[in-house]
Amino acid sequence: MNVRRMFSSILLDRVALTLALLVLFTGVAAACPNCRESLADPQQHAVATGFYYSILFMMSMPFAILGTFGSLAYLSIRRARTQHATTTESEQP
């Protein structure tokens, strides 16, 4: 029981420290310098929008690639199991 209290106390301290750091550095991490300067100038708004969509595209690619390969593996295994089940049923008298 004492170990559980100590673990929860350490976890609570880490969560509190993480939240405090996030609150302190929110202004620093508001935007990259290029995007912030582009938003200040109305003529450069298209550049900031381009940066935004390119970042979204780059961040979504690992999930799309892993999801594609995971789905292909799942479907391949499922087809193989189905095929194996049908061949074993046809072999039995």
C-alpha atoms as a PDB file:
ATOM      1  CA  MET A   1       0.000   0.000   0.000  1.00  0.00           C
ATOM      2  CA  ASN A   2       2.863   2.370   0.798  1.00  0.00           C
ATOM      3  CA  VAL A   3       4.453   1.777  -2.613  1.00  0.00           C
ATOM      4  CA  ARG A   4       1.177   2.642  -4.313  1.00  0.00           C
ATOM      5  CA  ARG A   5       0.995   5.992  -2.495  1.00  0.00           C
ATOM      6  CA  MET A   6       4.606   6.767  -3.380  1.00  0.00           C
ATOM      7  CA  PHE A   7       4.020   5.906  -7.041  1.00  0.00           C
ATOM      8  CA  SER A   8       0.865   8.037  -7.232  1.00  0.00           C
ATOM      9  CA  SER A   9       2.693  10.916  -5.533  1.00  0.00           C
ATOM     10  CA  ILE A  10       5.552  10.744  -8.043  1.00  0.00           C
ATOM     11  CA  LEU A  11       3.098  10.512 -10.934  1.00  0.00           C
ATOM     12  CA  LEU A  12       1.129  13.484  -9.632  1.00  0.00           C
ATOM     13  CA  ASP A  13       4.333  15.526  -9.294  1.00  0.00           C
ATOM     14  CA  ARG A  14       5.344  14.723 -12.866  1.00  0.00           C
ATOM     15  CA  VAL A  15       1.931  15.611 -14.250  1.00  0.00           C
ATOM     16  CA  ALA A  16       1.910  18.891 -12.330  1.00  0.00           C
ATOM     17  CA  LEU A  17       5.417  19.754 -13.561  1.00  0.00           C
ATOM     18  CA  THR A  18       4.469  18.943 -17.162  1.00  0.00           C
ATOM     19  CA  LEU A  19       1.345  21.084 -16.988  1.00  0.00           C
ATOM     20  CA  ALA A  20       3.282  23.970 -15.430  1.00  0.00           C
ATOM     21  CA  LEU A  21       5.898  23.821 -18.204  1.00  0.00           C
ATOM     22  CA  LEU A  22       3.195  23.737 -20.852  1.00  0.00           C
ATOM     23  CA  VAL A  23       1.522  26.802 -19.404  1.00  0.00           C
ATOM     24  CA  LEU A  24       4.825  28.685 -19.156  1.00  0.00           C
ATOM     25  CA  PHE A  25       5.986  27.943 -22.698  1.00  0.00           C
ATOM     26  CA  THR A  26       2.689  28.314 -24.542  1.00  0.00           C
ATOM     27  CA  GLY A  27       3.597  31.744 -25.880  1.00  0.00           C
ATOM     28  CA  VAL A  28       6.931  30.508 -27.156  1.00  0.00           C
ATOM     29  CA  ALA A  29       5.407  27.578 -29.007  1.00  0.00           C
ATOM     30  CA  ALA A  30       2.511  29.530 -30.502  1.00  0.00           C
ATOM     31  CA  ALA A  31       3.793  29.288 -34.059  1.00  0.00           C
ATOM     32  CA  CYS A  32       6.964  28.973 -36.045  1.00  0.00           C
ATOM     33  CA  PRO A  33       8.584  32.304 -36.933  1.00  0.00           C
ATOM     34  CA  ASN A  34       7.771  32.010 -40.636  1.00  0.00           C
ATOM     35  CA  CYS A  35       4.086  31.404 -40.011  1.00  0.00           C
ATOM     36  CA  ARG A  36       3.842  34.165 -37.423  1.00  0.00           C
ATOM     37  CA  GLU A  37       5.440  36.717 -39.786  1.00  0.00           C
ATOM     38  CA  SER A  38       3.279  35.547 -42.670  1.00  0.00           C
ATOM     39  CA  LEU A  39       0.102  35.995 -40.671  1.00  0.00           C
ATOM     40  CA  ALA A  40       1.084  39.553 -39.796  1.00  0.00           C
ATOM     41  CA  ASP A  41       1.286  40.470 -43.503  1.00  0.00           C
ATOM     42  CA  PRO A  42      -2.030  39.980 -45.347  1.00  0.00           C
ATOM     43  CA  GLN A  43      -0.221  39.461 -48.670  1.00  0.00           C
ATOM     44  CA  GLN A  44       1.680  36.490 -47.245  1.00  0.00           C
ATOM     45  CA  HIS A  45      -1.421  34.710 -45.923  1.00  0.00           C
ATOM     46  CA  ALA A  46      -1.256  32.172 -48.780  1.00  0.00           C
ATOM     47  CA  VAL A  47       2.266  31.176 -47.690  1.00  0.00           C
ATOM     48  CA  ALA A  48       1.119  30.527 -44.140  1.00  0.00           C
ATOM     49  CA  THR A  49      -1.818  28.486 -45.424  1.00  0.00           C
ATOM     50  CA  GLY A  50       0.562  26.460 -47.594  1.00  0.00           C
ATOM     51  CA  PHE A  51       2.805  25.780 -44.603  1.00  0.00           C
ATOM     52  CA  TYR A  52      -0.220  24.712 -42.587  1.00  0.00           C
ATOM     53  CA  TYR A  53      -1.460  22.179 -45.134  1.00  0.00           C
ATOM     54  CA  SER A  54       2.017  20.816 -45.859  1.00  0.00           C
ATOM     55  CA  ILE A  55       2.572  20.180 -42.150  1.00  0.00           C
ATOM     56  CA  LEU A  56      -0.790  18.419 -41.864  1.00  0.00           C
ATOM     57  CA  PHE A  57       0.062  16.295 -44.901  1.00  0.00           C
ATOM     58  CA  MET A  58       3.482  15.318 -43.526  1.00  0.00           C
ATOM     59  CA  MET A  59       2.045  14.434 -40.121  1.00  0.00           C
ATOM     60  CA  SER A  60      -0.705  12.267 -41.591  1.00  0.00           C
ATOM     61  CA  MET A  61       1.540  10.212 -43.879  1.00  0.00           C
ATOM     62  CA  PRO A  62       3.009   7.836 -41.237  1.00  0.00           C
ATOM     63  CA  PHE A  63      -0.501   6.955 -40.065  1.00  0.00           C
ATOM     64  CA  ALA A  64      -1.722   6.459 -43.624  1.00  0.00           C
ATOM     65  CA  ILE A  65       1.246   4.272 -44.557  1.00  0.00           C
ATOM     66  CA  LEU A  66       1.084   2.144 -41.408  1.00  0.00           C
ATOM     67  CA  GLY A  67      -2.677   1.859 -41.723  1.00  0.00           C
ATOM     68  CA  THR A  68      -2.383   0.702 -45.325  1.00  0.00           C
ATOM     69  CA  PHE A  69       0.234  -1.938 -44.585  1.00  0.00           C
ATOM     70  CA  GLY A  70      -1.604  -3.059 -41.453  1.00  0.00           C
ATOM     71  CA  SER A  71      -4.849  -3.448 -43.382  1.00  0.00           C
ATOM     72  CA  LEU A  72      -3.112  -5.371 -46.154  1.00  0.00           C
ATOM     73  CA  ALA A  73      -1.506  -7.724 -43.630  1.00  0.00           C
ATOM     74  CA  TYR A  74      -4.807  -8.254 -41.821  1.00  0.00           C
ATOM     75  CA  LEU A  75      -6.703  -8.983 -45.035  1.00  0.00           C
ATOM     76  CA  SER A  76      -3.959 -11.306 -46.273  1.00  0.00           C
ATOM     77  CA  ILE A  77      -3.997 -13.329 -43.058  1.00  0.00           C
ATOM     78  CA  ARG A  78      -7.792 -13.438 -43.062  1.00  0.00           C
ATOM     79  CA  ARG A  79      -7.905 -14.685 -46.670  1.00  0.00           C
ATOM     80  CA  ALA A  80      -5.272 -17.320 -45.924  1.00  0.00           C
ATOM     81  CA  ARG A  81      -7.239 -18.597 -42.915  1.00  0.00           C
ATOM     82  CA  THR A  82     -10.451 -18.712 -44.929  1.00  0.00           C
ATOM     83  CA  GLN A  83      -8.733 -20.528 -47.777  1.00  0.00           C
ATOM     84  CA  HIS A  84      -7.130 -22.992 -45.377  1.00  0.00           C
ATOM     85  CA  ALA A  85     -10.492 -23.659 -43.710  1.00  0.00           C
ATOM     86  CA  THR A  86     -12.207 -24.333 -47.032  1.00  0.00           C
ATOM     87  CA  THR A  87      -9.443 -26.671 -48.232  1.00  0.00           C
ATOM     88  CA  THR A  88      -9.514 -28.696 -45.011  1.00  0.00           C
ATOM     89  CA  GLU A  89     -13.323 -28.996 -45.211  1.00  0.00           C
ATOM     90  CA  SER A  90     -13.164 -30.247 -48.793  1.00  0.00           C
ATOM     91  CA  GLU A  91     -10.500 -32.843 -47.929  1.00  0.00           C
ATOM     92  CA  GLN A  92     -12.584 -34.465 -45.171  1.00  0.00           C
ATOM     93  CA  PRO A  93     -14.832 -37.320 -46.385  1.00  0.00           C
END
